[in-house]
């Protein structure tokens, strides 16, 4: 049967389109990749790190996130081991992406002022991000991106051993604490592997007086435990 005869046979059989370039048998098993999901690979990679320098290297070398291609550089956690407070932000801002430091830029200046308001010197604060890479246009992380970076953050907390944690933003709180909303996450202390955790608003949202007041209420509760 030549090509023309085959086409006529398909048309007579009611077949007018194809789902693939090559035919396949309906009972033939599809090929399944042996490669584990990206988040599973992230967990395996993060757990290999025995200290912060090795974890930072694993973060920088991890290639399964497209954010690495669009950011200038990885912005890694900065601060002392076993700090009084560990501040966790979802992503670096544009200035941090340019300077390469979590302690430089508008975001860092805002955080420094907040810590000064509760009489906490930045020498006693460890600052880090869920994603070490800035997002295009400073957009929020997607759910899959949060899942991808979470194992690295968990391992970082375990290695830093902070006395307390302050999370900035609802999505970050949901990723780490599985809280349903910012309203339910705020106003109380949470426990994460024995570490007291407080949730406040994202730094990027603190542009109006009412929201700043809410953040100040959260900070005052943090101050009581310092």
C-alpha atoms as a PDB file:
ATOM      1  CA  UNK A   1       0.000   0.000   0.000  1.00  0.00           C
ATOM      2  CA  UNK A   2       1.527   3.323  -1.082  1.00  0.00           C
ATOM      3  CA  UNK A   3       1.228   6.672   0.759  1.00  0.00           C
ATOM      4  CA  UNK A   4      -1.835   7.785  -1.249  1.00  0.00           C
ATOM      5  CA  UNK A   5      -3.677   4.534  -0.541  1.00  0.00           C
ATOM      6  CA  UNK A   6      -2.821   4.802   3.166  1.00  0.00           C
ATOM      7  CA  UNK A   7      -4.198   8.356   3.349  1.00  0.00           C
ATOM      8  CA  UNK A   8      -7.414   7.273   1.633  1.00  0.00           C
ATOM      9  CA  UNK A   9      -7.768   4.378   4.065  1.00  0.00           C
ATOM     10  CA  UNK A  10      -7.312   6.761   7.056  1.00  0.00           C
ATOM     11  CA  UNK A  11      -9.933   9.183   5.688  1.00  0.00           C
ATOM     12  CA  UNK A  12     -12.434   6.380   5.055  1.00  0.00           C
ATOM     13  CA  UNK A  13     -11.834   5.162   8.615  1.00  0.00           C
ATOM     14  CA  UNK A  14     -12.655   8.625   9.937  1.00  0.00           C
ATOM     15  CA  UNK A  15      -9.077   9.464  10.959  1.00  0.00           C
ATOM     16  CA  UNK A  16      -8.373  13.079  10.014  1.00  0.00           C
ATOM     17  CA  UNK A  17      -5.706  14.134  12.559  1.00  0.00           C
ATOM     18  CA  UNK A  18      -2.818  12.645  14.494  1.00  0.00           C
ATOM     19  CA  UNK A  19      -1.659  13.195  18.082  1.00  0.00           C
ATOM     20  CA  UNK A  20       1.965  12.396  17.360  1.00  0.00           C
ATOM     21  CA  UNK A  21       4.416  12.306  14.479  1.00  0.00           C
ATOM     22  CA  UNK A  22       4.898   8.554  14.861  1.00  0.00           C
ATOM     23  CA  UNK A  23       2.212   5.911  15.492  1.00  0.00           C
ATOM     24  CA  UNK A  24       2.264   3.965  18.741  1.00  0.00           C
ATOM     25  CA  UNK A  25       0.437   0.928  20.009  1.00  0.00           C
ATOM     26  CA  UNK A  26      -2.263   1.664  22.570  1.00  0.00           C
ATOM     27  CA  UNK A  27      -1.068  -1.187  24.789  1.00  0.00           C
ATOM     28  CA  UNK A  28       2.590  -0.248  24.563  1.00  0.00           C
ATOM     29  CA  UNK A  29       3.816   1.175  27.891  1.00  0.00           C
ATOM     30  CA  UNK A  30       4.972   4.790  27.765  1.00  0.00           C
ATOM     31  CA  UNK A  31       8.531   5.558  28.726  1.00  0.00           C
ATOM     32  CA  UNK A  32       8.871   6.934  32.242  1.00  0.00           C
ATOM     33  CA  UNK A  33      11.885   9.007  33.196  1.00  0.00           C
ATOM     34  CA  UNK A  34      14.085   7.594  35.932  1.00  0.00           C
ATOM     35  CA  UNK A  35      14.931  11.169  36.960  1.00  0.00           C
ATOM     36  CA  UNK A  36      13.347  12.059  40.349  1.00  0.00           C
ATOM     37  CA  UNK A  37      11.190  15.227  40.629  1.00  0.00           C
ATOM     38  CA  UNK A  38      13.086  18.501  40.964  1.00  0.00           C
ATOM     39  CA  UNK A  39      11.947  19.077  44.569  1.00  0.00           C
ATOM     40  CA  UNK A  40      13.163  15.596  45.508  1.00  0.00           C
ATOM     41  CA  UNK A  41      16.521  16.330  43.931  1.00  0.00           C
ATOM     42  CA  UNK A  42      16.637  19.598  45.880  1.00  0.00           C
ATOM     43  CA  UNK A  43      16.016  17.721  49.139  1.00  0.00           C
ATOM     44  CA  UNK A  44      18.753  15.200  48.393  1.00  0.00           C
ATOM     45  CA  UNK A  45      21.170  17.982  47.459  1.00  0.00           C
ATOM     46  CA  UNK A  46      20.399  20.096  50.547  1.00  0.00           C
ATOM     47  CA  UNK A  47      20.795  17.176  52.944  1.00  0.00           C
ATOM     48  CA  UNK A  48      24.306  16.536  51.643  1.00  0.00           C
ATOM     49  CA  UNK A  49      25.474  19.867  53.080  1.00  0.00           C
ATOM     50  CA  UNK A  50      27.229  19.441  56.426  1.00  0.00           C
ATOM     51  CA  UNK A  51      27.835  23.164  57.022  1.00  0.00           C
ATOM     52  CA  UNK A  52      26.804  26.571  55.682  1.00  0.00           C
ATOM     53  CA  UNK A  53      29.672  26.970  53.188  1.00  0.00           C
ATOM     54  CA  UNK A  54      28.832  23.635  51.570  1.00  0.00           C
ATOM     55  CA  UNK A  55      25.099  24.465  51.574  1.00  0.00           C
ATOM     56  CA  UNK A  56      25.783  27.813  49.907  1.00  0.00           C
ATOM     57  CA  UNK A  57      27.823  26.084  47.235  1.00  0.00           C
ATOM     58  CA  UNK A  58      25.049  23.562  46.633  1.00  0.00           C
ATOM     59  CA  UNK A  59      22.561  26.439  46.297  1.00  0.00           C
ATOM     60  CA  UNK A  60      24.705  28.265  43.783  1.00  0.00           C
ATOM     61  CA  UNK A  61      25.393  25.135  41.735  1.00  0.00           C
ATOM     62  CA  UNK A  62      21.791  23.877  41.746  1.00  0.00           C
ATOM     63  CA  UNK A  63      20.634  24.216  38.153  1.00  0.00           C
ATOM     64  CA  UNK A  64      17.003  23.070  38.182  1.00  0.00           C
ATOM     65  CA  UNK A  65      15.539  26.557  38.582  1.00  0.00           C
ATOM     66  CA  UNK A  66      15.189  28.906  35.631  1.00  0.00           C
ATOM     67  CA  UNK A  67      15.597  31.865  38.030  1.00  0.00           C
ATOM     68  CA  UNK A  68      19.322  31.239  38.036  1.00  0.00           C
ATOM     69  CA  UNK A  69      19.390  32.254  34.361  1.00  0.00           C
ATOM     70  CA  UNK A  70      17.639  35.602  34.882  1.00  0.00           C
ATOM     71  CA  UNK A  71      19.200  36.799  38.168  1.00  0.00           C
ATOM     72  CA  UNK A  72      22.594  38.492  38.325  1.00  0.00           C
ATOM     73  CA  UNK A  73      23.878  36.332  41.174  1.00  0.00           C
ATOM     74  CA  UNK A  74      22.803  34.238  44.140  1.00  0.00           C
ATOM     75  CA  UNK A  75      22.165  36.220  47.326  1.00  0.00           C
ATOM     76  CA  UNK A  76      23.104  34.007  50.244  1.00  0.00           C
ATOM     77  CA  UNK A  77      22.252  34.244  53.920  1.00  0.00           C
ATOM     78  CA  UNK A  78      24.356  36.555  56.079  1.00  0.00           C
ATOM     79  CA  UNK A  79      24.790  36.841  59.811  1.00  0.00           C
ATOM     80  CA  UNK A  80      26.115  35.002  62.851  1.00  0.00           C
ATOM     81  CA  UNK A  81      25.579  31.372  63.790  1.00  0.00           C
ATOM     82  CA  UNK A  82      22.987  30.813  66.518  1.00  0.00           C
ATOM     83  CA  UNK A  83      21.608  34.370  66.141  1.00  0.00           C
ATOM     84  CA  UNK A  84      19.015  35.973  68.389  1.00  0.00           C
ATOM     85  CA  UNK A  85      16.752  36.244  65.358  1.00  0.00           C
ATOM     86  CA  UNK A  86      16.687  34.785  61.854  1.00  0.00           C
ATOM     87  CA  UNK A  87      14.785  36.952  59.357  1.00  0.00           C
ATOM     88  CA  UNK A  88      13.545  35.124  56.272  1.00  0.00           C
ATOM     89  CA  UNK A  89      12.380  37.000  53.162  1.00  0.00           C
ATOM     90  CA  UNK A  90      10.940  35.322  50.078  1.00  0.00           C
ATOM     91  CA  UNK A  91      13.275  36.746  47.396  1.00  0.00           C
ATOM     92  CA  UNK A  92      16.082  39.315  47.043  1.00  0.00           C
ATOM     93  CA  UNK A  93      15.191  42.721  45.580  1.00  0.00           C
ATOM     94  CA  UNK A  94      16.832  44.432  42.625  1.00  0.00           C
ATOM     95  CA  UNK A  95      19.477  46.235  44.704  1.00  0.00           C
ATOM     96  CA  UNK A  96      20.524  43.092  46.555  1.00  0.00           C
ATOM     97  CA  UNK A  97      20.769  41.322  43.212  1.00  0.00           C
ATOM     98  CA  UNK A  98      23.182  44.015  42.020  1.00  0.00           C
ATOM     99  CA  UNK A  99      25.294  44.298  45.187  1.00  0.00           C
ATOM    100  CA  UNK A 100      25.394  40.584  45.957  1.00  0.00           C
ATOM    101  CA  UNK A 101      24.592  41.162  49.621  1.00  0.00           C
ATOM    102  CA  UNK A 102      21.530  40.507  51.761  1.00  0.00           C
ATOM    103  CA  UNK A 103      22.574  43.446  53.957  1.00  0.00           C
ATOM    104  CA  UNK A 104      22.687  46.124  51.261  1.00  0.00           C
ATOM    105  CA  UNK A 105      19.901  47.915  49.423  1.00  0.00           C
ATOM    106  CA  UNK A 106      16.456  49.316  50.210  1.00  0.00           C
ATOM    107  CA  UNK A 107      15.162  45.994  51.537  1.00  0.00           C
ATOM    108  CA  UNK A 108      18.121  45.701  53.913  1.00  0.00           C
ATOM    109  CA  UNK A 109      17.777  49.330  55.042  1.00  0.00           C
ATOM    110  CA  UNK A 110      14.115  48.765  55.854  1.00  0.00           C
ATOM    111  CA  UNK A 111      14.941  45.631  57.811  1.00  0.00           C
ATOM    112  CA  UNK A 112      17.728  47.381  59.725  1.00  0.00           C
ATOM    113  CA  UNK A 113      15.316  50.131  60.814  1.00  0.00           C
ATOM    114  CA  UNK A 114      12.794  47.545  61.956  1.00  0.00           C
ATOM    115  CA  UNK A 115      15.413  45.735  64.034  1.00  0.00           C
ATOM    116  CA  UNK A 116      16.624  49.028  65.530  1.00  0.00           C
ATOM    117  CA  UNK A 117      13.035  49.776  66.584  1.00  0.00           C
ATOM    118  CA  UNK A 118      13.113  46.712  68.848  1.00  0.00           C
ATOM    119  CA  UNK A 119      16.665  47.457  70.006  1.00  0.00           C
ATOM    120  CA  UNK A 120      18.226  44.569  68.120  1.00  0.00           C
ATOM    121  CA  UNK A 121      21.585  45.147  66.470  1.00  0.00           C
ATOM    122  CA  UNK A 122      22.039  43.554  63.051  1.00  0.00           C
ATOM    123  CA  UNK A 123      25.151  41.818  64.419  1.00  0.00           C
ATOM    124  CA  UNK A 124      22.718  39.503  66.199  1.00  0.00           C
ATOM    125  CA  UNK A 125      20.464  38.961  63.179  1.00  0.00           C
ATOM    126  CA  UNK A 126      20.816  36.410  60.392  1.00  0.00           C
ATOM    127  CA  UNK A 127      19.112  37.402  57.123  1.00  0.00           C
ATOM    128  CA  UNK A 128      18.299  34.956  54.347  1.00  0.00           C
ATOM    129  CA  UNK A 129      15.861  34.232  51.504  1.00  0.00           C
ATOM    130  CA  UNK A 130      13.687  31.332  50.455  1.00  0.00           C
ATOM    131  CA  UNK A 131      15.035  31.791  46.918  1.00  0.00           C
ATOM    132  CA  UNK A 132      18.615  33.027  46.576  1.00  0.00           C
ATOM    133  CA  UNK A 133      17.743  34.279  43.085  1.00  0.00           C
ATOM    134  CA  UNK A 134      15.799  37.456  42.317  1.00  0.00           C
ATOM    135  CA  UNK A 135      12.678  36.834  40.248  1.00  0.00           C
ATOM    136  CA  UNK A 136      12.064  38.652  36.934  1.00  0.00           C
ATOM    137  CA  UNK A 137      10.319  41.924  37.723  1.00  0.00           C
ATOM    138  CA  UNK A 138      10.473  41.021  41.431  1.00  0.00           C
ATOM    139  CA  UNK A 139       7.360  38.900  41.002  1.00  0.00           C
ATOM    140  CA  UNK A 140       6.279  36.455  43.758  1.00  0.00           C
ATOM    141  CA  UNK A 141       7.593  32.910  43.585  1.00  0.00           C
ATOM    142  CA  UNK A 142       5.324  30.277  42.088  1.00  0.00           C
ATOM    143  CA  UNK A 143       4.200  27.295  44.171  1.00  0.00           C
ATOM    144  CA  UNK A 144       6.604  25.000  42.340  1.00  0.00           C
ATOM    145  CA  UNK A 145       9.485  27.446  42.915  1.00  0.00           C
ATOM    146  CA  UNK A 146       8.739  27.595  46.640  1.00  0.00           C
ATOM    147  CA  UNK A 147       8.675  23.798  46.792  1.00  0.00           C
ATOM    148  CA  UNK A 148      11.987  23.675  44.959  1.00  0.00           C
ATOM    149  CA  UNK A 149      13.818  26.055  47.305  1.00  0.00           C
ATOM    150  CA  UNK A 150      12.200  24.976  50.580  1.00  0.00           C
ATOM    151  CA  UNK A 151      14.610  22.045  51.251  1.00  0.00           C
ATOM    152  CA  UNK A 152      17.558  24.444  51.093  1.00  0.00           C
ATOM    153  CA  UNK A 153      15.873  26.839  53.533  1.00  0.00           C
ATOM    154  CA  UNK A 154      15.026  24.023  55.946  1.00  0.00           C
ATOM    155  CA  UNK A 155      18.636  22.833  55.903  1.00  0.00           C
ATOM    156  CA  UNK A 156      19.860  26.401  56.395  1.00  0.00           C
ATOM    157  CA  UNK A 157      17.695  26.848  59.490  1.00  0.00           C
ATOM    158  CA  UNK A 158      19.019  23.562  60.891  1.00  0.00           C
ATOM    159  CA  UNK A 159      22.616  24.698  60.370  1.00  0.00           C
ATOM    160  CA  UNK A 160      22.177  28.296  61.593  1.00  0.00           C
ATOM    161  CA  UNK A 161      20.276  27.237  64.753  1.00  0.00           C
ATOM    162  CA  UNK A 162      18.506  30.564  65.435  1.00  0.00           C
ATOM    163  CA  UNK A 163      16.872  31.313  68.764  1.00  0.00           C
ATOM    164  CA  UNK A 164      13.801  32.740  66.986  1.00  0.00           C
ATOM    165  CA  UNK A 165      12.556  33.156  63.416  1.00  0.00           C
ATOM    166  CA  UNK A 166      10.661  36.033  61.802  1.00  0.00           C
ATOM    167  CA  UNK A 167       8.963  35.224  58.486  1.00  0.00           C
ATOM    168  CA  UNK A 168       8.007  38.003  56.071  1.00  0.00           C
ATOM    169  CA  UNK A 169       4.892  37.289  54.036  1.00  0.00           C
ATOM    170  CA  UNK A 170       1.934  34.921  53.750  1.00  0.00           C
ATOM    171  CA  UNK A 171       3.340  32.666  51.022  1.00  0.00           C
ATOM    172  CA  UNK A 172       6.569  32.165  52.927  1.00  0.00           C
ATOM    173  CA  UNK A 173       4.618  31.284  56.072  1.00  0.00           C
ATOM    174  CA  UNK A 174       2.519  28.823  54.103  1.00  0.00           C
ATOM    175  CA  UNK A 175       5.630  27.194  52.634  1.00  0.00           C
ATOM    176  CA  UNK A 176       7.339  26.664  55.992  1.00  0.00           C
ATOM    177  CA  UNK A 177       4.439  26.425  58.452  1.00  0.00           C
ATOM    178  CA  UNK A 178       1.568  25.297  56.158  1.00  0.00           C
ATOM    179  CA  UNK A 179      -0.615  28.138  57.449  1.00  0.00           C
ATOM    180  CA  UNK A 180      -3.772  28.899  55.476  1.00  0.00           C
ATOM    181  CA  UNK A 181      -3.630  32.701  55.441  1.00  0.00           C
ATOM    182  CA  UNK A 182      -1.672  35.656  56.762  1.00  0.00           C
ATOM    183  CA  UNK A 183      -4.547  36.561  59.091  1.00  0.00           C
ATOM    184  CA  UNK A 184      -4.364  33.125  60.715  1.00  0.00           C
ATOM    185  CA  UNK A 185      -0.568  33.064  60.744  1.00  0.00           C
ATOM    186  CA  UNK A 186      -0.084  36.439  62.446  1.00  0.00           C
ATOM    187  CA  UNK A 187      -0.813  37.234  66.058  1.00  0.00           C
ATOM    188  CA  UNK A 188       0.650  34.073  67.560  1.00  0.00           C
ATOM    189  CA  UNK A 189       3.877  32.170  68.034  1.00  0.00           C
ATOM    190  CA  UNK A 190       4.371  29.041  65.982  1.00  0.00           C
ATOM    191  CA  UNK A 191       6.732  26.194  66.727  1.00  0.00           C
ATOM    192  CA  UNK A 192       9.072  24.891  64.047  1.00  0.00           C
ATOM    193  CA  UNK A 193      11.246  22.038  65.297  1.00  0.00           C
ATOM    194  CA  UNK A 194      11.422  23.670  68.728  1.00  0.00           C
ATOM    195  CA  UNK A 195      12.148  27.177  67.413  1.00  0.00           C
ATOM    196  CA  UNK A 196       9.612  29.991  68.096  1.00  0.00           C
ATOM    197  CA  UNK A 197       8.418  31.505  64.798  1.00  0.00           C
ATOM    198  CA  UNK A 198       6.558  34.758  64.253  1.00  0.00           C
ATOM    199  CA  UNK A 199       4.922  35.812  60.980  1.00  0.00           C
ATOM    200  CA  UNK A 200       4.593  39.380  59.733  1.00  0.00           C
ATOM    201  CA  UNK A 201       3.800  41.131  56.473  1.00  0.00           C
ATOM    202  CA  UNK A 202       6.085  41.040  53.436  1.00  0.00           C
ATOM    203  CA  UNK A 203       8.596  43.888  53.374  1.00  0.00           C
ATOM    204  CA  UNK A 204       7.332  45.006  49.966  1.00  0.00           C
ATOM    205  CA  UNK A 205       3.841  45.595  51.391  1.00  0.00           C
ATOM    206  CA  UNK A 206       4.882  47.997  54.164  1.00  0.00           C
ATOM    207  CA  UNK A 207       4.159  51.176  52.203  1.00  0.00           C
ATOM    208  CA  UNK A 208       1.083  52.425  54.064  1.00  0.00           C
ATOM    209  CA  UNK A 209       0.681  53.452  57.689  1.00  0.00           C
ATOM    210  CA  UNK A 210      -1.984  50.822  58.613  1.00  0.00           C
ATOM    211  CA  UNK A 211       0.207  47.983  57.351  1.00  0.00           C
ATOM    212  CA  UNK A 212       3.280  49.399  59.081  1.00  0.00           C
ATOM    213  CA  UNK A 213       1.296  49.429  62.306  1.00  0.00           C
ATOM    214  CA  UNK A 214       0.467  45.742  61.871  1.00  0.00           C
ATOM    215  CA  UNK A 215       4.133  44.955  61.334  1.00  0.00           C
ATOM    216  CA  UNK A 216       5.038  47.021  64.399  1.00  0.00           C
ATOM    217  CA  UNK A 217       2.585  44.964  66.468  1.00  0.00           C
ATOM    218  CA  UNK A 218       4.380  41.802  65.302  1.00  0.00           C
ATOM    219  CA  UNK A 219       7.805  43.254  66.083  1.00  0.00           C
ATOM    220  CA  UNK A 220       6.776  44.186  69.607  1.00  0.00           C
ATOM    221  CA  UNK A 221       5.901  40.560  70.269  1.00  0.00           C
ATOM    222  CA  UNK A 222       9.307  39.508  68.931  1.00  0.00           C
ATOM    223  CA  UNK A 223      10.983  42.045  71.222  1.00  0.00           C
ATOM    224  CA  UNK A 224       9.352  40.452  74.268  1.00  0.00           C
ATOM    225  CA  UNK A 225      11.272  37.213  73.640  1.00  0.00           C
ATOM    226  CA  UNK A 226      14.652  38.811  72.896  1.00  0.00           C
END
